Amino acid sequence: MNRILIALSAFLLLAAPLHARMFVDLYGGANDAGDAGILLGGGISAGWDLSHGLAFLVRPEYYGATEDGGKPAETVRALGMLTAGLQYARQLGERPLFWTASAGMGGACFYEQGP
């Protein structure tokens, strides 16, 4: 009996994501890194529906800049960020408009190499 319950539980847990909806957004932008200047880049936002209107989001981003490329005084700057969280979306009437609210946490890493 225990084996049947374990097998049934595993099947239900593994089959649940099969009907889930996934969405992906690509974006680009500029990040003002203060004294390091403006870094250009972008990222991808991927989300998976958990229930009606609620989704899990992951947003990795990368921004970078190079000054004096190919010269001895070359300076490379890069900024990487990763955010994960939840997003709630509610459709406004019958129109394809949504009100969204999201909350998440993440981290960032800044890298600079040069003289």
Protein backbone atom coordinates (compact mmCIF):
# COMPACT_ATOMS: atom_id res chain seq x y z
CA MET A 1 0.00 0.00 0.00
CA ASN A 2 2.83 2.42 0.87
CA ARG A 3 4.46 1.82 -2.51
CA ILE A 4 1.23 2.64 -4.30
CA LEU A 5 0.83 5.90 -2.36
CA ILE A 6 4.45 6.85 -3.03
CA ALA A 7 4.08 6.06 -6.75
CA LEU A 8 0.78 7.98 -6.96
CA SER A 9 2.26 10.99 -5.13
CA ALA A 10 5.32 10.99 -7.40
CA PHE A 11 3.11 10.77 -10.51
CA LEU A 12 0.93 13.69 -9.38
CA LEU A 13 3.94 15.85 -8.48
CA LEU A 14 5.68 15.15 -11.78
CA ALA A 15 2.52 15.49 -13.91
CA ALA A 16 1.43 18.84 -12.43
CA PRO A 17 3.99 20.93 -14.38
CA LEU A 18 2.88 19.33 -17.66
CA HIS A 19 -0.23 21.51 -17.81
CA ALA A 20 1.57 24.58 -16.51
CA ARG A 21 1.98 27.65 -18.66
CA MET A 22 5.39 29.23 -19.09
CA PHE A 23 6.21 32.69 -20.40
CA VAL A 24 9.46 34.35 -21.42
CA ASP A 25 10.27 38.06 -21.90
CA LEU A 26 13.47 39.52 -23.33
CA TYR A 27 14.51 43.05 -22.48
CA GLY A 28 17.40 45.44 -22.81
CA GLY A 29 18.44 48.55 -21.00
CA ALA A 30 21.06 50.83 -19.55
CA ASN A 31 22.22 50.70 -15.95
CA ASP A 32 23.81 53.76 -14.36
CA ALA A 33 26.56 52.31 -12.13
CA GLY A 34 27.58 55.64 -10.59
CA ASP A 35 31.32 56.30 -10.93
CA ALA A 36 31.65 53.25 -13.22
CA GLY A 37 29.46 54.93 -15.84
CA ILE A 38 26.55 53.60 -17.86
CA LEU A 39 26.51 49.87 -18.61
CA LEU A 40 24.43 48.49 -21.49
CA GLY A 41 22.86 45.05 -21.49
CA GLY A 42 19.67 43.22 -20.76
CA GLY A 43 18.19 39.98 -19.59
CA ILE A 44 15.47 37.42 -19.79
CA SER A 45 12.45 37.03 -17.56
CA ALA A 46 11.00 33.52 -17.30
CA GLY A 47 7.88 32.62 -15.37
CA TRP A 48 5.93 29.48 -14.57
CA ASP A 49 2.29 29.48 -13.48
CA LEU A 50 1.77 28.08 -10.00
CA SER A 51 -1.97 28.64 -9.89
CA HIS A 52 -4.52 30.89 -11.58
CA GLY A 53 -2.93 34.35 -11.66
CA LEU A 54 0.15 33.48 -9.58
CA ALA A 55 3.53 32.74 -11.19
CA PHE A 56 7.11 32.08 -10.12
CA LEU A 57 9.61 34.42 -11.85
CA VAL A 58 13.35 34.26 -12.48
CA ARG A 59 15.15 37.30 -13.95
CA PRO A 60 18.87 37.01 -14.77
CA GLU A 61 20.43 40.21 -16.16
CA TYR A 62 23.86 41.18 -17.51
CA TYR A 63 25.23 44.66 -18.23
CA GLY A 64 28.72 45.53 -19.43
CA ALA A 65 31.01 48.18 -20.91
CA THR A 66 34.55 48.34 -22.28
CA GLU A 67 36.67 51.50 -22.43
CA ASP A 68 39.78 51.83 -24.61
CA GLY A 69 39.23 48.37 -26.10
CA GLY A 70 42.36 46.70 -27.51
CA LYS A 71 44.73 49.19 -25.83
CA PRO A 72 46.97 48.67 -22.77
CA ALA A 73 44.63 50.94 -20.77
CA GLU A 74 41.56 48.76 -21.55
CA THR A 75 38.99 48.75 -18.75
CA VAL A 76 36.18 46.18 -18.59
CA ARG A 77 33.18 46.59 -16.31
CA ALA A 78 30.36 44.10 -15.85
CA LEU A 79 27.30 43.84 -13.65
CA GLY A 80 25.32 40.63 -13.19
CA MET A 81 22.03 40.42 -11.32
CA LEU A 82 19.63 37.60 -10.50
CA THR A 83 16.16 38.07 -9.05
CA ALA A 84 13.54 35.45 -8.18
CA GLY A 85 10.05 35.93 -6.81
CA LEU A 86 6.31 35.74 -7.30
CA GLN A 87 4.04 37.69 -9.63
CA TYR A 88 0.28 38.07 -9.44
CA ALA A 89 -1.62 39.03 -12.60
CA ARG A 90 -5.33 39.88 -12.77
CA GLN A 91 -7.09 40.38 -16.08
CA LEU A 92 -9.05 43.62 -16.42
CA GLY A 93 -12.42 42.64 -17.83
CA GLU A 94 -12.48 40.85 -21.18
CA ARG A 95 -9.68 42.96 -22.63
CA PRO A 96 -6.12 41.60 -22.95
CA LEU A 97 -5.00 43.97 -20.17
CA PHE A 98 -3.57 42.77 -16.88
CA TRP A 99 -2.81 44.43 -13.56
CA THR A 100 0.33 42.84 -12.14
CA ALA A 101 2.15 43.01 -8.83
CA SER A 102 5.36 41.20 -8.04
CA ALA A 103 7.73 40.70 -5.14
CA GLY A 104 11.14 39.10 -5.17
CA MET A 105 14.66 38.99 -3.85
CA GLY A 106 17.99 38.76 -5.55
CA GLY A 107 21.62 39.65 -5.67
CA ALA A 108 24.14 41.44 -7.82
CA CYS A 109 27.85 41.22 -8.58
CA PHE A 110 29.96 44.05 -10.05
CA TYR A 111 33.29 43.32 -11.78
CA GLU A 112 35.93 45.80 -12.95
CA GLN A 113 39.27 44.98 -14.53
CA GLY A 114 41.76 47.49 -15.80
CA PRO A 115 44.29 50.11 -14.74
